[in-house]
PDB file of N, CA and C in Angstrom:
ATOM      1  N   UNK A   1     -73.016 -32.461 -37.666  1.00  0.00           N
ATOM      2  CA  UNK A   1     -72.660 -32.040 -36.535  1.00  0.00           C
ATOM      3  C   UNK A   1     -71.305 -31.952 -35.981  1.00  0.00           C
ATOM      4  N   UNK A   2     -70.526 -32.400 -36.435  1.00  0.00           N
ATOM      5  CA  UNK A   2     -68.951 -32.237 -36.055  1.00  0.00           C
ATOM      6  C   UNK A   2     -68.471 -30.627 -36.547  1.00  0.00           C
ATOM      7  N   UNK A   3     -69.323 -30.162 -37.653  1.00  0.00           N
ATOM      8  CA  UNK A   3     -69.047 -28.814 -38.475  1.00  0.00           C
ATOM      9  C   UNK A   3     -69.191 -28.084 -37.080  1.00  0.00           C
ATOM     10  N   UNK A   4     -70.149 -27.787 -36.534  1.00  0.00           N
ATOM     11  CA  UNK A   4     -71.430 -27.342 -34.805  1.00  0.00           C
ATOM     12  C   UNK A   4     -70.749 -27.560 -33.985  1.00  0.00           C
ATOM     13  N   UNK A   5     -69.687 -28.098 -34.043  1.00  0.00           N
ATOM     14  CA  UNK A   5     -68.727 -28.472 -32.587  1.00  0.00           C
ATOM     15  C   UNK A   5     -67.421 -28.098 -32.754  1.00  0.00           C
ATOM     16  N   UNK A   6     -66.852 -27.976 -34.238  1.00  0.00           N
ATOM     17  CA  UNK A   6     -65.722 -27.613 -34.680  1.00  0.00           C
ATOM     18  C   UNK A   6     -65.907 -25.446 -34.324  1.00  0.00           C
ATOM     19  N   UNK A   7     -67.175 -25.474 -34.722  1.00  0.00           N
ATOM     20  CA  UNK A   7     -66.629 -24.160 -34.870  1.00  0.00           C
ATOM     21  C   UNK A   7     -67.657 -23.260 -33.278  1.00  0.00           C
ATOM     22  N   UNK A   8     -68.258 -23.819 -32.675  1.00  0.00           N
ATOM     23  CA  UNK A   8     -68.334 -23.519 -31.406  1.00  0.00           C
ATOM     24  C   UNK A   8     -67.156 -23.976 -30.942  1.00  0.00           C
ATOM     25  N   UNK A   9     -66.704 -25.178 -30.686  1.00  0.00           N
ATOM     26  CA  UNK A   9     -65.922 -25.176 -29.318  1.00  0.00           C
ATOM     27  C   UNK A   9     -64.500 -26.371 -30.683  1.00  0.00           C
ATOM     28  N   UNK A  10     -64.000 -25.353 -30.530  1.00  0.00           N
ATOM     29  CA  UNK A  10     -62.929 -26.128 -31.597  1.00  0.00           C
ATOM     30  C   UNK A  10     -61.659 -27.110 -31.227  1.00  0.00           C
ATOM     31  N   UNK A  11     -61.254 -27.021 -29.939  1.00  0.00           N
ATOM     32  CA  UNK A  11     -60.567 -28.307 -29.330  1.00  0.00           C
ATOM     33  C   UNK A  11     -61.291 -29.528 -29.258  1.00  0.00           C
ATOM     34  N   UNK A  12     -62.532 -29.080 -28.732  1.00  0.00           N
ATOM     35  CA  UNK A  12     -63.046 -30.307 -28.400  1.00  0.00           C
ATOM     36  C   UNK A  12     -63.764 -31.200 -29.681  1.00  0.00           C
ATOM     37  N   UNK A  13     -63.812 -30.094 -31.115  1.00  0.00           N
ATOM     38  CA  UNK A  13     -64.529 -31.067 -32.088  1.00  0.00           C
ATOM     39  C   UNK A  13     -63.087 -31.876 -32.628  1.00  0.00           C
ATOM     40  N   UNK A  14     -61.718 -30.798 -32.588  1.00  0.00           N
ATOM     41  CA  UNK A  14     -60.834 -31.796 -33.269  1.00  0.00           C
ATOM     42  C   UNK A  14     -60.492 -32.882 -32.697  1.00  0.00           C
ATOM     43  N   UNK A  15     -60.540 -33.213 -31.099  1.00  0.00           N
ATOM     44  CA  UNK A  15     -60.512 -33.336 -30.588  1.00  0.00           C
ATOM     45  C   UNK A  15     -61.596 -34.881 -30.422  1.00  0.00           C
ATOM     46  N   UNK A  16     -62.183 -34.888 -31.015  1.00  0.00           N
ATOM     47  CA  UNK A  16     -63.859 -36.188 -31.385  1.00  0.00           C
ATOM     48  C   UNK A  16     -63.750 -36.268 -32.749  1.00  0.00           C
ATOM     49  N   UNK A  17     -62.913 -36.128 -33.499  1.00  0.00           N
ATOM     50  CA  UNK A  17     -62.375 -36.137 -35.163  1.00  0.00           C
ATOM     51  C   UNK A  17     -61.572 -36.812 -35.895  1.00  0.00           C
ATOM     52  N   UNK A  18     -60.896 -37.559 -34.082  1.00  0.00           N
ATOM     53  CA  UNK A  18     -59.590 -37.896 -34.265  1.00  0.00           C
ATOM     54  C   UNK A  18     -58.676 -37.022 -34.216  1.00  0.00           C
ATOM     55  N   UNK A  19     -58.532 -36.011 -34.045  1.00  0.00           N
ATOM     56  CA  UNK A  19     -57.096 -35.079 -34.307  1.00  0.00           C
ATOM     57  C   UNK A  19     -56.525 -34.136 -33.326  1.00  0.00           C
ATOM     58  N   UNK A  20     -55.851 -35.026 -32.365  1.00  0.00           N
ATOM     59  CA  UNK A  20     -55.126 -34.752 -31.570  1.00  0.00           C
ATOM     60  C   UNK A  20     -54.158 -33.442 -31.509  1.00  0.00           C
ATOM     61  N   UNK A  21     -53.089 -33.783 -32.362  1.00  0.00           N
ATOM     62  CA  UNK A  21     -52.190 -33.129 -32.731  1.00  0.00           C
ATOM     63  C   UNK A  21     -52.620 -31.663 -32.851  1.00  0.00           C
ATOM     64  N   UNK A  22     -53.809 -30.998 -33.605  1.00  0.00           N
ATOM     65  CA  UNK A  22     -54.393 -30.033 -33.705  1.00  0.00           C
ATOM     66  C   UNK A  22     -55.156 -29.261 -33.393  1.00  0.00           C
ATOM     67  N   UNK A  23     -55.586 -30.315 -32.334  1.00  0.00           N
ATOM     68  CA  UNK A  23     -56.653 -30.088 -30.845  1.00  0.00           C
ATOM     69  C   UNK A  23     -55.262 -28.792 -30.327  1.00  0.00           C
ATOM     70  N   UNK A  24     -54.372 -29.225 -29.908  1.00  0.00           N
ATOM     71  CA  UNK A  24     -53.528 -28.938 -29.503  1.00  0.00           C
ATOM     72  C   UNK A  24     -52.944 -27.727 -29.953  1.00  0.00           C
ATOM     73  N   UNK A  25     -52.531 -27.614 -31.026  1.00  0.00           N
ATOM     74  CA  UNK A  25     -52.237 -26.712 -31.633  1.00  0.00           C
ATOM     75  C   UNK A  25     -53.628 -25.337 -31.718  1.00  0.00           C
ATOM     76  N   UNK A  26     -54.627 -25.940 -32.003  1.00  0.00           N
ATOM     77  CA  UNK A  26     -55.506 -24.884 -32.139  1.00  0.00           C
ATOM     78  C   UNK A  26     -56.194 -24.513 -30.316  1.00  0.00           C
ATOM     79  N   UNK A  27     -56.090 -24.802 -29.769  1.00  0.00           N
ATOM     80  CA  UNK A  27     -55.569 -24.192 -28.232  1.00  0.00           C
ATOM     81  C   UNK A  27     -54.397 -23.330 -28.267  1.00  0.00           C
ATOM     82  N   UNK A  28     -52.933 -23.515 -28.177  1.00  0.00           N
ATOM     83  CA  UNK A  28     -52.187 -22.581 -28.376  1.00  0.00           C
ATOM     84  C   UNK A  28     -52.585 -21.510 -28.932  1.00  0.00           C
ATOM     85  N   UNK A  29     -53.456 -21.367 -30.757  1.00  0.00           N
ATOM     86  CA  UNK A  29     -54.238 -20.123 -31.951  1.00  0.00           C
ATOM     87  C   UNK A  29     -55.090 -19.575 -30.832  1.00  0.00           C
ATOM     88  N   UNK A  30     -55.883 -20.468 -29.952  1.00  0.00           N
ATOM     89  CA  UNK A  30     -56.707 -20.005 -29.524  1.00  0.00           C
ATOM     90  C   UNK A  30     -55.973 -18.550 -28.504  1.00  0.00           C
ATOM     91  N   UNK A  31     -55.259 -19.284 -27.543  1.00  0.00           N
ATOM     92  CA  UNK A  31     -54.541 -18.255 -26.512  1.00  0.00           C
ATOM     93  C   UNK A  31     -53.993 -17.120 -27.203  1.00  0.00           C
ATOM     94  N   UNK A  32     -52.786 -17.104 -28.481  1.00  0.00           N
ATOM     95  CA  UNK A  32     -52.497 -16.072 -29.122  1.00  0.00           C
ATOM     96  C   UNK A  32     -53.589 -14.932 -29.716  1.00  0.00           C
ATOM     97  N   UNK A  33     -54.566 -15.557 -30.441  1.00  0.00           N
ATOM     98  CA  UNK A  33     -56.223 -15.173 -30.777  1.00  0.00           C
ATOM     99  C   UNK A  33     -56.924 -14.371 -29.898  1.00  0.00           C
ATOM    100  N   UNK A  34     -56.816 -14.758 -28.860  1.00  0.00           N
ATOM    101  CA  UNK A  34     -57.091 -14.157 -27.725  1.00  0.00           C
ATOM    102  C   UNK A  34     -55.897 -12.907 -27.047  1.00  0.00           C
ATOM    103  N   UNK A  35     -55.255 -12.997 -26.995  1.00  0.00           N
ATOM    104  CA  UNK A  35     -54.189 -11.435 -26.743  1.00  0.00           C
ATOM    105  C   UNK A  35     -54.346 -10.605 -27.783  1.00  0.00           C
ATOM    106  N   UNK A  36     -53.796 -11.414 -29.189  1.00  0.00           N
ATOM    107  CA  UNK A  36     -53.946 -10.179 -30.199  1.00  0.00           C
ATOM    108  C   UNK A  36     -55.266  -9.735 -30.877  1.00  0.00           C
ATOM    109  N   UNK A  37     -56.632 -10.923 -30.135  1.00  0.00           N
ATOM    110  CA  UNK A  37     -57.715 -10.594 -30.941  1.00  0.00           C
ATOM    111  C   UNK A  37     -58.746  -8.953 -30.560  1.00  0.00           C
ATOM    112  N   UNK A  38     -57.605  -9.008 -28.922  1.00  0.00           N
ATOM    113  CA  UNK A  38     -58.667  -7.266 -28.664  1.00  0.00           C
ATOM    114  C   UNK A  38     -58.087  -5.800 -29.555  1.00  0.00           C
ATOM    115  N   UNK A  39     -56.931  -6.200 -30.354  1.00  0.00           N
ATOM    116  CA  UNK A  39     -56.417  -4.864 -31.042  1.00  0.00           C
ATOM    117  C   UNK A  39     -56.988  -5.502 -33.102  1.00  0.00           C
ATOM    118  N   UNK A  40     -57.118  -6.978 -33.165  1.00  0.00           N
ATOM    119  CA  UNK A  40     -57.377  -6.854 -34.594  1.00  0.00           C
ATOM    120  C   UNK A  40     -58.942  -8.045 -34.130  1.00  0.00           C
ATOM    121  N   UNK A  41     -60.131  -7.750 -34.370  1.00  0.00           N
ATOM    122  CA  UNK A  41     -60.901  -8.436 -34.072  1.00  0.00           C
ATOM    123  C   UNK A  41     -61.460  -9.821 -35.079  1.00  0.00           C
ATOM    124  N   UNK A  42     -60.527  -9.599 -36.018  1.00  0.00           N
ATOM    125  CA  UNK A  42     -60.575 -10.953 -36.575  1.00  0.00           C
ATOM    126  C   UNK A  42     -59.996 -11.812 -36.590  1.00  0.00           C
ATOM    127  N   UNK A  43     -59.155 -11.624 -35.767  1.00  0.00           N
ATOM    128  CA  UNK A  43     -58.543 -13.003 -35.312  1.00  0.00           C
ATOM    129  C   UNK A  43     -59.284 -14.010 -34.320  1.00  0.00           C
ATOM    130  N   UNK A  44     -60.390 -13.117 -34.023  1.00  0.00           N
ATOM    131  CA  UNK A  44     -61.042 -13.822 -33.276  1.00  0.00           C
ATOM    132  C   UNK A  44     -61.918 -15.076 -33.600  1.00  0.00           C
ATOM    133  N   UNK A  45     -62.003 -14.923 -35.414  1.00  0.00           N
ATOM    134  CA  UNK A  45     -62.199 -16.069 -36.101  1.00  0.00           C
ATOM    135  C   UNK A  45     -61.331 -17.098 -36.309  1.00  0.00           C
ATOM    136  N   UNK A  46     -60.343 -17.039 -35.979  1.00  0.00           N
ATOM    137  CA  UNK A  46     -59.149 -18.030 -36.563  1.00  0.00           C
ATOM    138  C   UNK A  46     -59.083 -19.087 -36.111  1.00  0.00           C
ATOM    139  N   UNK A  47     -59.273 -19.748 -34.703  1.00  0.00           N
ATOM    140  CA  UNK A  47     -59.101 -21.061 -34.368  1.00  0.00           C
ATOM    141  C   UNK A  47     -60.760 -21.004 -34.621  1.00  0.00           C
ATOM    142  N   UNK A  48     -62.006 -21.290 -34.861  1.00  0.00           N
ATOM    143  CA  UNK A  48     -62.446 -21.375 -35.375  1.00  0.00           C
ATOM    144  C   UNK A  48     -62.620 -21.885 -36.953  1.00  0.00           C
ATOM    145  N   UNK A  49     -61.787 -21.305 -38.197  1.00  0.00           N
ATOM    146  CA  UNK A  49     -61.991 -21.245 -39.327  1.00  0.00           C
ATOM    147  C   UNK A  49     -60.745 -22.530 -39.311  1.00  0.00           C
ATOM    148  N   UNK A  50     -59.616 -22.784 -38.573  1.00  0.00           N
ATOM    149  CA  UNK A  50     -58.546 -24.071 -38.198  1.00  0.00           C
ATOM    150  C   UNK A  50     -59.332 -25.402 -38.034  1.00  0.00           C
ATOM    151  N   UNK A  51     -60.533 -25.028 -36.708  1.00  0.00           N
ATOM    152  CA  UNK A  51     -61.054 -26.512 -37.000  1.00  0.00           C
ATOM    153  C   UNK A  51     -61.864 -27.039 -38.295  1.00  0.00           C
ATOM    154  N   UNK A  52     -63.033 -25.953 -38.264  1.00  0.00           N
ATOM    155  CA  UNK A  52     -63.866 -26.337 -39.394  1.00  0.00           C
ATOM    156  C   UNK A  52     -62.636 -27.082 -40.754  1.00  0.00           C
ATOM    157  N   UNK A  53     -61.821 -25.770 -40.943  1.00  0.00           N
ATOM    158  CA  UNK A  53     -61.467 -26.620 -42.324  1.00  0.00           C
ATOM    159  C   UNK A  53     -60.134 -28.088 -42.032  1.00  0.00           C
ATOM    160  N   UNK A  54     -60.043 -28.418 -40.784  1.00  0.00           N
ATOM    161  CA  UNK A  54     -59.319 -29.438 -40.433  1.00  0.00           C
ATOM    162  C   UNK A  54     -60.254 -31.221 -40.286  1.00  0.00           C
ATOM    163  N   UNK A  55     -61.756 -30.154 -40.333  1.00  0.00           N
ATOM    164  CA  UNK A  55     -62.279 -31.568 -39.442  1.00  0.00           C
ATOM    165  C   UNK A  55     -62.559 -31.881 -40.930  1.00  0.00           C
ATOM    166  N   UNK A  56     -63.100 -30.853 -42.735  1.00  0.00           N
ATOM    167  CA  UNK A  56     -63.456 -31.244 -43.589  1.00  0.00           C
ATOM    168  C   UNK A  56     -62.326 -31.519 -44.098  1.00  0.00           C
ATOM    169  N   UNK A  57     -60.822 -31.344 -44.021  1.00  0.00           N
ATOM    170  CA  UNK A  57     -59.641 -32.059 -44.573  1.00  0.00           C
ATOM    171  C   UNK A  57     -59.597 -33.794 -44.606  1.00  0.00           C
ATOM    172  N   UNK A  58     -59.681 -33.296 -42.769  1.00  0.00           N
ATOM    173  CA  UNK A  58     -60.030 -34.919 -42.682  1.00  0.00           C
ATOM    174  C   UNK A  58     -60.848 -36.392 -42.682  1.00  0.00           C
ATOM    175  N   UNK A  59     -62.163 -35.744 -43.282  1.00  0.00           N
ATOM    176  CA  UNK A  59     -63.401 -36.199 -43.694  1.00  0.00           C
ATOM    177  C   UNK A  59     -63.183 -36.886 -45.272  1.00  0.00           C
ATOM    178  N   UNK A  60     -62.630 -35.101 -45.913  1.00  0.00           N
ATOM    179  CA  UNK A  60     -62.550 -35.474 -47.289  1.00  0.00           C
ATOM    180  C   UNK A  60     -60.618 -36.603 -47.659  1.00  0.00           C
ATOM    181  N   UNK A  61     -60.523 -37.263 -46.408  1.00  0.00           N
ATOM    182  CA  UNK A  61     -59.188 -37.614 -46.962  1.00  0.00           C
ATOM    183  C   UNK A  61     -59.939 -39.706 -46.146  1.00  0.00           C
ATOM    184  N   UNK A  62     -60.893 -39.453 -45.458  1.00  0.00           N
ATOM    185  CA  UNK A  62     -61.526 -41.255 -45.859  1.00  0.00           C
ATOM    186  C   UNK A  62     -62.239 -41.275 -46.382  1.00  0.00           C
ATOM    187  N   UNK A  63     -62.866 -40.258 -47.009  1.00  0.00           N
ATOM    188  CA  UNK A  63     -63.655 -40.501 -48.473  1.00  0.00           C
ATOM    189  C   UNK A  63     -62.925 -41.008 -49.304  1.00  0.00           C
ATOM    190  N   UNK A  64     -61.945 -40.245 -49.338  1.00  0.00           N
ATOM    191  CA  UNK A  64     -60.985 -40.629 -50.626  1.00  0.00           C
ATOM    192  C   UNK A  64     -60.013 -42.035 -50.483  1.00  0.00           C
ATOM    193  N   UNK A  65     -60.273 -42.585 -49.087  1.00  0.00           N
ATOM    194  CA  UNK A  65     -59.309 -43.746 -48.656  1.00  0.00           C
ATOM    195  C   UNK A  65     -60.826 -44.890 -48.738  1.00  0.00           C
ATOM    196  N   UNK A  66     -61.693 -44.270 -48.921  1.00  0.00           N
ATOM    197  CA  UNK A  66     -62.504 -45.567 -48.938  1.00  0.00           C
ATOM    198  C   UNK A  66     -62.738 -45.473 -50.645  1.00  0.00           C
ATOM    199  N   UNK A  67     -63.036 -45.164 -50.899  1.00  0.00           N
ATOM    200  CA  UNK A  67     -62.953 -45.055 -52.632  1.00  0.00           C
ATOM    201  C   UNK A  67     -62.330 -45.433 -52.825  1.00  0.00           C
ATOM    202  N   UNK A  68     -60.745 -44.963 -52.607  1.00  0.00           N
ATOM    203  CA  UNK A  68     -59.947 -46.243 -52.943  1.00  0.00           C
ATOM    204  C   UNK A  68     -59.877 -48.115 -53.018  1.00  0.00           C
ATOM    205  N   UNK A  69     -59.915 -47.961 -51.885  1.00  0.00           N
ATOM    206  CA  UNK A  69     -60.516 -48.764 -50.956  1.00  0.00           C
ATOM    207  C   UNK A  69     -61.105 -50.069 -51.907  1.00  0.00           C
ATOM    208  N   UNK A  70     -62.222 -49.300 -52.676  1.00  0.00           N
ATOM    209  CA  UNK A  70     -63.599 -50.155 -53.171  1.00  0.00           C
ATOM    210  C   UNK A  70     -62.759 -50.166 -54.339  1.00  0.00           C
ATOM    211  N   UNK A  71     -62.590 -49.245 -54.963  1.00  0.00           N
ATOM    212  CA  UNK A  71     -61.555 -49.459 -56.596  1.00  0.00           C
ATOM    213  C   UNK A  71     -60.930 -50.965 -56.303  1.00  0.00           C
ATOM    214  N   UNK A  72     -59.914 -50.865 -55.485  1.00  0.00           N
ATOM    215  CA  UNK A  72     -58.878 -52.033 -55.048  1.00  0.00           C
ATOM    216  C   UNK A  72     -59.065 -53.056 -55.368  1.00  0.00           C
ATOM    217  N   UNK A  73     -60.821 -53.453 -54.623  1.00  0.00           N
ATOM    218  CA  UNK A  73     -61.392 -54.270 -53.886  1.00  0.00           C
ATOM    219  C   UNK A  73     -62.140 -54.759 -55.192  1.00  0.00           C
ATOM    220  N   UNK A  74     -63.180 -53.893 -55.507  1.00  0.00           N
ATOM    221  CA  UNK A  74     -64.117 -54.503 -56.606  1.00  0.00           C
ATOM    222  C   UNK A  74     -63.590 -53.842 -57.904  1.00  0.00           C
ATOM    223  N   UNK A  75     -62.502 -53.595 -57.855  1.00  0.00           N
ATOM    224  CA  UNK A  75     -62.812 -52.801 -59.581  1.00  0.00           C
ATOM    225  C   UNK A  75     -63.378 -51.272 -60.247  1.00  0.00           C
ATOM    226  N   UNK A  76     -62.250 -51.018 -61.290  1.00  0.00           N
ATOM    227  CA  UNK A  76     -63.028 -49.982 -61.564  1.00  0.00           C
ATOM    228  C   UNK A  76     -64.473 -49.619 -61.987  1.00  0.00           C
ATOM    229  N   UNK A  77     -65.159 -48.754 -62.200  1.00  0.00           N
ATOM    230  CA  UNK A  77     -66.608 -48.699 -62.595  1.00  0.00           C
ATOM    231  C   UNK A  77     -66.812 -49.183 -63.597  1.00  0.00           C
ATOM    232  N   UNK A  78     -68.215 -49.948 -64.495  1.00  0.00           N
ATOM    233  CA  UNK A  78     -68.151 -49.909 -66.090  1.00  0.00           C
ATOM    234  C   UNK A  78     -67.768 -49.545 -66.583  1.00  0.00           C
ATOM    235  N   UNK A  79     -67.873 -48.209 -67.408  1.00  0.00           N
ATOM    236  CA  UNK A  79     -67.556 -47.566 -67.369  1.00  0.00           C
ATOM    237  C   UNK A  79     -66.330 -46.858 -68.225  1.00  0.00           C
ATOM    238  N   UNK A  80     -65.696 -47.533 -67.310  1.00  0.00           N
ATOM    239  CA  UNK A  80     -63.747 -47.217 -67.196  1.00  0.00           C
ATOM    240  C   UNK A  80     -63.420 -48.524 -67.347  1.00  0.00           C
ATOM    241  N   UNK A  81     -63.778 -49.782 -67.592  1.00  0.00           N
ATOM    242  CA  UNK A  81     -63.203 -50.817 -67.777  1.00  0.00           C
ATOM    243  C   UNK A  81     -62.037 -51.199 -68.948  1.00  0.00           C
ATOM    244  N   UNK A  82     -62.904 -50.718 -69.652  1.00  0.00           N
ATOM    245  CA  UNK A  82     -62.450 -50.566 -71.508  1.00  0.00           C
ATOM    246  C   UNK A  82     -61.093 -49.339 -71.544  1.00  0.00           C
TER     247      UNK A  82
END
């Protein structure tokens, strides 16, 4: 659901994902791309792409942090102990 929000309303999706500085950057990116997007239409997709990539990277970082914490707490999985 956060990916859909990031695609349709990029700054709001980034804010709800806990990335306020990326949201501010995205607003600036929207202004820049709205101006130059009149001539180069592909630029209108850049803010949404930035938000989707930023949300994905943040979720992967959280998943990695959880895995590292689980390995620290419980040790490596059984095949890797030897």
